[in-house]
Structure formats: structure tokens, C-alpha cells
Amino acid sequence: MLRGMHSAVYTPILFLLNTAIWGSTWLAIKGQLGLVSPVASVTYRFAIAAPMLLLWCLGRGVSLRFPWRVHMVLVGQGICFFSLNYLCAYVSEQYVSSGLVAILYSLLAVLNILGARILFGAPLSARAVLAAVLGIVGVAMLFFPELSKHPQVLHGLGIGVLGVLFACAGNMAAIRSQREKVQIIPGTAWALAYGAAMSALVGAIAGVEWAFDVRPVYVFSLLYLSLFGTIVACLCYLTLLKREGAALASYVNIVTPVVALLLSTLFEGHAWTWVAAAGAALALFGNFLTMKRPARAKA
């Protein structure tokens, strides 16, 4: 009884904390842009987060040993999700407001369903198809006013779409790792390490200058993204997933873009038009349809 009461009390706290952190990370990324290359910033972020999560596993006695075939999957997850995905997201925010990039990434829910259908034979419902159409139309409407005023937004949009595709590939690797019975936290720790290594390799090949910005806005946003955006929010989400199941946890992905849009409006001066507002509503509704489970028939 008491245990159930504790769960009832902590679940809303976990949900609010998770959505607040993930919703604010899109704005925090803006603090990473400027003097330091996005490649260097992404590398720093996960080079800080990966050892912390690895040490957490060691401290809790969680095994970090996996067979080589599992490591190959984790390498793919790290490269696609924790490296190339974030590199694209950071660069995209150089041209587009953080709230718009967050909405663009909400299409990931639809792509995950399509990817799971193609690669793993997962069922594809009419609801998922409708959600995909609404999401694509909504994002197009959302970006149209920006494209008409600022043509360079198209460049940021293209890079953002590429990032969403990399994120989807990373999620498909995560599904594969789950089928290999990999525990989420140690698997994520290794994927973070591989992502940091990949970003460092990209920087070395591209000849990136490994500068560091000592201004408080950069240092604090880097620590916030590494500790809270990567580790705390991840653990909150995993706890929600374990306690309440995928249905409730998935709603984090609906509320997060809303938080990001509100923060972008408040702190970036994002200007709204009725077309953009309608597009945001359509995209979020499409995401809602993706997450909503069909009602069970009564006996």
C-alpha cells in the first residue's frame, strides 16, 4: 500500500522533471553555439556523460561486459544516435530556432514505427499512416513562414531532417540491442562512449579546432546538457518506463516539443503566425496518435 502511494506521488514528479529537462535542452544547445565548433561541443558533452554513467554502473555493480556482436550493435547506436544525430541537431540550430528543431524531431516517433516495420516486421496500423501524414504536413506548415522570410532556414531544415534519420537509425540499433537482452543503462553507457569517440573522429578528420569557451553560458549549458539532459533525464525516463509502462512514458515525447516551443517563444523571440500554429498543432496531434494505444475491447 505504502509502496503504491510512493509510486503515485513520484510518477508525476518524474514526468514533469523529464519533460522540463528534455524540453529545455533544445534551448540549452543555443548556449553551445558560437565560439566552439558544434563537433567539439557534441564531443565534450558525451565525453563527460559517458564516464559518469560508466562509473555509475561500476558503483552499482552493474556488469558492463557484453559479447562482441552486442558491442557492434552498440557502436551503431552510438554513431547514429549519440554522434551524427546530435551533430546535425546542433548545426541545424545555427539556422533555425530551437523550438522548430524540437518539433521537427517529433517526427522521430513516426519514423520509428516505419523503421520497425521495415526492419523487424512490426505491424503498421492505419493510425500510424495517418499520424505520419499529419506530422509531415504539420512540420511543412510550421516551417513555411520561416522559409518565406529567411531562405537560409532551408539549409537548417535539411540538416535537421538528416539528423532525424540518423536518430531513427540509432533507435533501430537500440531495438536490436533490446532483442539481444542488453540492459538499457549499461548499453547506453557504452553507446555514449562510442558516440563521443565517433564525434572526436569526425572532428579530427574535419580538422576541427578543439577550442573551449570559458564563458559561463557555455560552461553551464555544457554541464547541464551532459549531466541533466543526458543522464538525469534518461534515468527519469527509464524509471517511468519501468514503473508505468511505455504508454505513459511515451507521452514525454509529446510534451517535450511543447516545452521547447514555449521556451523558444520566451527567450528567442520566435514569432508565430496562424499557419505555423496550425502546423505545430497538427504535428503534435500526429505524434499523439502515434503514441496512443487502441482501446481494448470489453469482454
Protein backbone atom coordinates (compact mmCIF):
# COMPACT_ATOMS: atom_id res chain seq x y z
CA MET A 1 0.00 0.00 0.00
CA LEU A 2 2.70 2.47 1.04
CA ARG A 3 4.84 1.44 -1.88
CA GLY A 4 1.94 2.10 -4.24
CA MET A 5 1.41 5.53 -2.67
CA HIS A 6 5.08 6.39 -3.20
CA SER A 7 4.79 5.37 -6.84
CA ALA A 8 1.67 7.54 -7.26
CA VAL A 9 3.49 10.52 -5.74
CA TYR A 10 6.75 10.17 -7.63
CA THR A 11 5.35 9.38 -11.07
CA PRO A 12 4.10 12.96 -11.77
CA ILE A 13 7.41 14.33 -10.44
CA LEU A 14 9.40 12.07 -12.76
CA PHE A 15 7.17 13.01 -15.70
CA LEU A 16 7.44 16.76 -15.08
CA LEU A 17 11.18 16.59 -14.46
CA ASN A 18 11.75 14.55 -17.60
CA THR A 19 9.73 16.83 -19.88
CA ALA A 20 11.16 20.01 -18.33
CA ILE A 21 14.74 18.85 -18.85
CA TRP A 22 14.35 17.45 -22.34
CA GLY A 23 12.21 20.40 -23.39
CA SER A 24 14.86 22.85 -22.19
CA THR A 25 17.84 21.04 -23.75
CA TRP A 26 16.92 22.42 -27.17
CA LEU A 27 17.34 25.95 -25.82
CA ALA A 28 20.49 24.98 -23.90
CA ILE A 29 22.07 23.86 -27.18
CA LYS A 30 21.94 27.52 -28.28
CA GLY A 31 24.44 28.25 -25.49
CA GLN A 32 26.83 25.81 -27.15
CA LEU A 33 26.87 27.64 -30.47
CA GLY A 34 29.30 30.40 -31.35
CA LEU A 35 32.99 30.21 -30.48
CA VAL A 36 33.21 26.41 -30.29
CA SER A 37 32.57 24.08 -33.21
CA PRO A 38 29.37 22.00 -32.90
CA VAL A 39 31.53 18.91 -33.41
CA ALA A 40 33.69 19.82 -30.43
CA SER A 41 30.66 20.66 -28.27
CA VAL A 42 28.96 17.33 -29.00
CA THR A 43 32.23 15.52 -28.26
CA TYR A 44 32.64 17.36 -24.95
CA ARG A 45 29.04 16.64 -23.96
CA PHE A 46 29.22 12.89 -24.34
CA ALA A 47 32.84 12.63 -23.24
CA ILE A 48 31.58 13.99 -19.91
CA ALA A 49 28.36 11.96 -19.77
CA ALA A 50 29.77 8.56 -20.79
CA PRO A 51 32.33 8.18 -17.95
CA MET A 52 29.76 9.33 -15.42
CA LEU A 53 27.27 6.66 -16.49
CA LEU A 54 30.00 4.02 -16.74
CA LEU A 55 31.16 4.86 -13.21
CA TRP A 56 27.55 4.73 -12.01
CA CYS A 57 27.27 1.19 -13.38
CA LEU A 58 30.53 0.18 -11.72
CA GLY A 59 29.42 1.71 -8.43
CA ARG A 60 26.10 -0.17 -8.53
CA GLY A 61 27.77 -3.42 -9.53
CA VAL A 62 26.08 -3.46 -12.95
CA SER A 63 28.02 -5.57 -15.43
CA LEU A 64 29.46 -3.74 -18.42
CA ARG A 65 30.61 -6.89 -20.20
CA PHE A 66 28.95 -7.77 -23.50
CA PRO A 67 29.89 -10.12 -26.35
CA TRP A 68 31.46 -8.55 -29.43
CA ARG A 69 28.29 -8.88 -31.54
CA VAL A 70 26.44 -6.76 -28.97
CA HIS A 71 29.22 -4.19 -28.99
CA MET A 72 28.83 -3.93 -32.78
CA VAL A 73 25.17 -3.02 -32.27
CA LEU A 74 26.08 -0.51 -29.55
CA VAL A 75 28.69 1.01 -31.86
CA GLY A 76 25.96 1.56 -34.46
CA GLN A 77 23.67 3.07 -31.84
CA GLY A 78 26.41 5.36 -30.57
CA ILE A 79 27.49 6.52 -34.04
CA CYS A 80 23.97 7.19 -35.32
CA PHE A 81 22.18 8.44 -32.20
CA PHE A 82 24.80 9.92 -29.89
CA SER A 83 27.05 11.37 -32.59
CA LEU A 84 25.72 12.06 -36.11
CA ASN A 85 22.19 12.78 -34.85
CA TYR A 86 23.37 15.40 -32.37
CA LEU A 87 25.91 16.88 -34.77
CA CYS A 88 23.05 17.56 -37.18
CA ALA A 89 20.82 18.93 -34.41
CA TYR A 90 23.49 21.36 -33.22
CA VAL A 91 24.24 22.60 -36.75
CA SER A 92 20.53 22.86 -37.55
CA GLU A 93 20.02 25.21 -34.60
CA GLN A 94 22.51 27.60 -36.16
CA TYR A 95 19.85 28.37 -38.77
CA VAL A 96 16.53 27.50 -37.08
CA SER A 97 15.03 28.32 -33.68
CA SER A 98 15.31 25.61 -31.04
CA GLY A 99 11.54 25.14 -30.81
CA LEU A 100 11.19 24.44 -34.52
CA VAL A 101 14.00 21.88 -34.42
CA ALA A 102 12.28 20.18 -31.47
CA ILE A 103 9.04 19.90 -33.46
CA LEU A 104 10.98 18.56 -36.45
CA TYR A 105 12.43 15.86 -34.22
CA SER A 106 8.94 14.91 -33.06
CA LEU A 107 8.63 13.16 -36.43
CA LEU A 108 11.02 10.59 -34.99
CA ALA A 109 8.05 8.82 -33.37
CA VAL A 110 6.55 8.19 -36.80
CA LEU A 111 9.86 7.17 -38.39
CA ASN A 112 10.49 4.72 -35.56
CA ILE A 113 7.25 2.92 -36.42
CA LEU A 114 8.10 2.83 -40.14
CA GLY A 115 11.63 1.65 -39.40
CA ALA A 116 10.42 -1.09 -37.08
CA ARG A 117 8.00 -2.20 -39.81
CA ILE A 118 10.69 -2.37 -42.49
CA LEU A 119 13.48 -3.92 -40.41
CA PHE A 120 11.65 -6.03 -37.85
CA GLY A 121 8.27 -6.72 -39.41
CA ALA A 122 6.36 -4.80 -36.73
CA PRO A 123 2.67 -4.20 -37.55
CA LEU A 124 1.74 -0.93 -39.26
CA SER A 125 -1.72 0.41 -38.49
CA ALA A 126 -3.88 2.89 -40.37
CA ARG A 127 -3.49 5.18 -37.35
CA ALA A 128 0.30 5.20 -37.83
CA VAL A 129 -0.09 6.12 -41.51
CA LEU A 130 -2.49 8.96 -40.61
CA ALA A 131 -0.06 10.14 -37.92
CA ALA A 132 2.76 10.20 -40.47
CA VAL A 133 0.73 12.29 -42.92
CA LEU A 134 -0.38 14.75 -40.21
CA GLY A 135 3.15 15.04 -38.87
CA ILE A 136 4.71 15.75 -42.26
CA VAL A 137 2.02 18.26 -43.24
CA GLY A 138 2.25 19.93 -39.82
CA VAL A 139 6.02 20.33 -39.98
CA ALA A 140 5.74 21.72 -43.54
CA MET A 141 3.20 24.31 -42.36
CA LEU A 142 5.35 25.14 -39.35
CA PHE A 143 8.45 25.85 -41.42
CA PHE A 144 6.71 27.59 -44.34
CA PRO A 145 6.52 31.07 -42.74
CA GLU A 146 10.20 30.84 -41.76
CA LEU A 147 11.25 29.77 -45.26
CA SER A 148 9.36 32.66 -46.85
CA LYS A 149 11.19 35.18 -44.63
CA HIS A 150 14.59 33.50 -44.22
CA PRO A 151 15.65 31.26 -47.14
CA GLN A 152 18.69 30.01 -45.19
CA VAL A 153 16.26 28.16 -42.92
CA LEU A 154 16.02 25.56 -45.71
CA HIS A 155 19.64 24.63 -45.05
CA GLY A 156 18.95 24.13 -41.36
CA LEU A 157 15.79 22.17 -42.18
CA GLY A 158 17.70 19.80 -44.46
CA ILE A 159 20.37 19.15 -41.85
CA GLY A 160 17.67 18.65 -39.21
CA VAL A 161 15.87 16.07 -41.37
CA LEU A 162 19.19 14.24 -41.80
CA GLY A 163 19.58 14.28 -38.02
CA VAL A 164 16.12 12.77 -37.55
CA LEU A 165 17.06 9.95 -39.96
CA PHE A 166 20.27 9.27 -38.02
CA ALA A 167 18.26 9.28 -34.77
CA CYS A 168 15.84 6.75 -36.25
CA ALA A 169 18.76 4.51 -37.29
CA GLY A 170 20.10 4.78 -33.74
CA ASN A 171 16.73 3.76 -32.34
CA MET A 172 16.62 0.75 -34.66
CA ALA A 173 20.01 -0.27 -33.27
CA ALA A 174 18.55 0.16 -29.77
CA ILE A 175 15.67 -2.18 -30.66
CA ARG A 176 18.21 -4.71 -31.88
CA SER A 177 20.15 -4.41 -28.62
CA GLN A 178 16.95 -4.99 -26.65
CA ARG A 179 16.41 -8.18 -28.63
CA GLU A 180 19.90 -9.17 -27.54
CA LYS A 181 18.67 -8.75 -23.92
CA VAL A 182 21.04 -5.83 -23.28
CA GLN A 183 20.27 -3.89 -20.08
CA ILE A 184 19.37 -0.32 -21.01
CA ILE A 185 21.68 1.62 -18.67
CA PRO A 186 25.00 -0.20 -19.32
CA GLY A 187 24.13 -0.41 -23.01
CA THR A 188 23.50 3.33 -23.10
CA ALA A 189 26.79 3.97 -21.25
CA TRP A 190 28.74 2.13 -23.96
CA ALA A 191 26.73 3.80 -26.75
CA LEU A 192 27.54 7.22 -25.25
CA ALA A 193 31.24 6.34 -25.20
CA TYR A 194 31.17 5.19 -28.82
CA GLY A 195 29.25 8.33 -29.80
CA ALA A 196 31.85 10.55 -28.16
CA ALA A 197 34.63 8.65 -29.94
CA MET A 198 32.87 8.99 -33.30
CA SER A 199 32.36 12.74 -32.83
CA ALA A 200 36.05 13.11 -31.94
CA LEU A 201 36.96 11.17 -35.10
CA VAL A 202 34.73 13.42 -37.23
CA GLY A 203 36.43 16.43 -35.67
CA ALA A 204 39.90 15.04 -36.35
CA ILE A 205 39.06 14.29 -39.99
CA ALA A 206 37.45 17.70 -40.50
CA GLY A 207 40.36 19.49 -38.83
CA VAL A 208 38.18 20.99 -36.13
CA GLU A 209 39.88 23.35 -33.70
CA TRP A 210 39.37 21.92 -30.20
CA ALA A 211 38.69 25.27 -28.58
CA PHE A 212 36.82 25.75 -25.33
CA ASP A 213 34.61 28.65 -24.35
CA VAL A 214 35.14 29.67 -20.72
CA ARG A 215 32.12 31.98 -20.66
CA PRO A 216 29.55 30.91 -18.04
CA VAL A 217 26.79 30.46 -20.65
CA TYR A 218 28.85 27.84 -22.48
CA VAL A 219 30.20 26.04 -19.40
CA PHE A 220 26.85 25.88 -17.61
CA SER A 221 24.94 24.78 -20.72
CA LEU A 222 27.56 22.07 -21.38
CA LEU A 223 27.31 20.73 -17.84
CA TYR A 224 23.52 20.95 -17.94
CA LEU A 225 23.35 19.02 -21.20
CA SER A 226 25.86 16.40 -20.01
CA LEU A 227 24.52 15.80 -16.52
CA PHE A 228 20.82 16.63 -16.70
CA GLY A 229 19.98 16.43 -20.41
CA THR A 230 21.83 13.16 -20.95
CA ILE A 231 21.92 11.29 -17.63
CA VAL A 232 19.23 12.57 -15.23
CA ALA A 233 16.50 12.81 -17.88
CA CYS A 234 17.47 9.39 -19.24
CA LEU A 235 17.20 7.80 -15.80
CA CYS A 236 13.86 9.55 -15.17
CA TYR A 237 12.53 8.20 -18.45
CA LEU A 238 13.76 4.67 -17.76
CA THR A 239 12.18 4.76 -14.29
CA LEU A 240 8.87 5.90 -15.78
CA LEU A 241 9.13 3.15 -18.35
CA LYS A 242 9.69 0.54 -15.65
CA ARG A 243 7.00 1.81 -13.24
CA GLU A 244 4.22 2.87 -15.56
CA GLY A 245 4.95 1.19 -18.89
CA ALA A 246 5.58 2.51 -22.39
CA ALA A 247 2.18 4.21 -22.82
CA LEU A 248 2.71 6.87 -20.15
CA ALA A 249 6.44 7.21 -20.75
CA SER A 250 5.84 7.86 -24.44
CA TYR A 251 3.81 10.97 -23.65
CA VAL A 252 7.09 12.60 -22.64
CA ASN A 253 7.80 12.81 -26.38
CA ILE A 254 4.58 14.77 -26.92
CA VAL A 255 5.01 17.29 -24.11
CA THR A 256 8.74 17.88 -24.73
CA PRO A 257 8.28 19.81 -28.03
CA VAL A 258 5.58 21.93 -26.37
CA VAL A 259 8.02 22.94 -23.63
CA ALA A 260 10.69 23.65 -26.25
CA LEU A 261 8.33 25.85 -28.27
CA LEU A 262 7.28 27.84 -25.20
CA LEU A 263 10.89 28.43 -24.19
CA SER A 264 11.81 29.40 -27.74
CA THR A 265 8.96 31.92 -27.80
CA LEU A 266 10.00 33.40 -24.45
CA PHE A 267 13.78 33.53 -24.89
CA GLU A 268 14.39 33.52 -28.64
CA GLY A 269 11.52 35.77 -29.65
CA HIS A 270 10.08 33.17 -32.00
CA ALA A 271 7.30 34.88 -33.97
CA TRP A 272 4.08 32.94 -34.56
CA THR A 273 1.67 33.02 -37.49
CA TRP A 274 -1.62 31.16 -37.72
CA VAL A 275 -0.11 28.84 -40.35
CA ALA A 276 2.79 27.96 -38.05
CA ALA A 277 0.49 27.50 -35.05
CA ALA A 278 -1.80 25.19 -37.04
CA GLY A 279 1.24 23.28 -38.28
CA ALA A 280 2.56 22.80 -34.74
CA ALA A 281 -0.85 21.57 -33.61
CA LEU A 282 -1.04 19.08 -36.49
CA ALA A 283 2.49 17.77 -35.87
CA LEU A 284 1.83 17.30 -32.16
CA PHE A 285 -1.54 15.67 -32.82
CA GLY A 286 0.14 13.28 -35.23
CA ASN A 287 2.63 12.44 -32.51
CA PHE A 288 -0.26 11.90 -30.09
CA LEU A 289 -1.90 9.44 -32.48
CA THR A 290 1.39 7.59 -32.78
CA MET A 291 1.70 7.15 -29.02
CA LYS A 292 -1.96 6.42 -28.26
CA ARG A 293 -2.73 2.76 -27.81
CA PRO A 294 -6.01 1.41 -29.20
CA ALA A 295 -8.63 0.74 -26.57
CA ARG A 296 -9.10 -2.88 -25.55
CA ALA A 297 -12.37 -4.47 -26.41
CA LYS A 298 -14.61 -5.25 -23.47
CA ALA A 299 -15.27 -8.87 -22.68
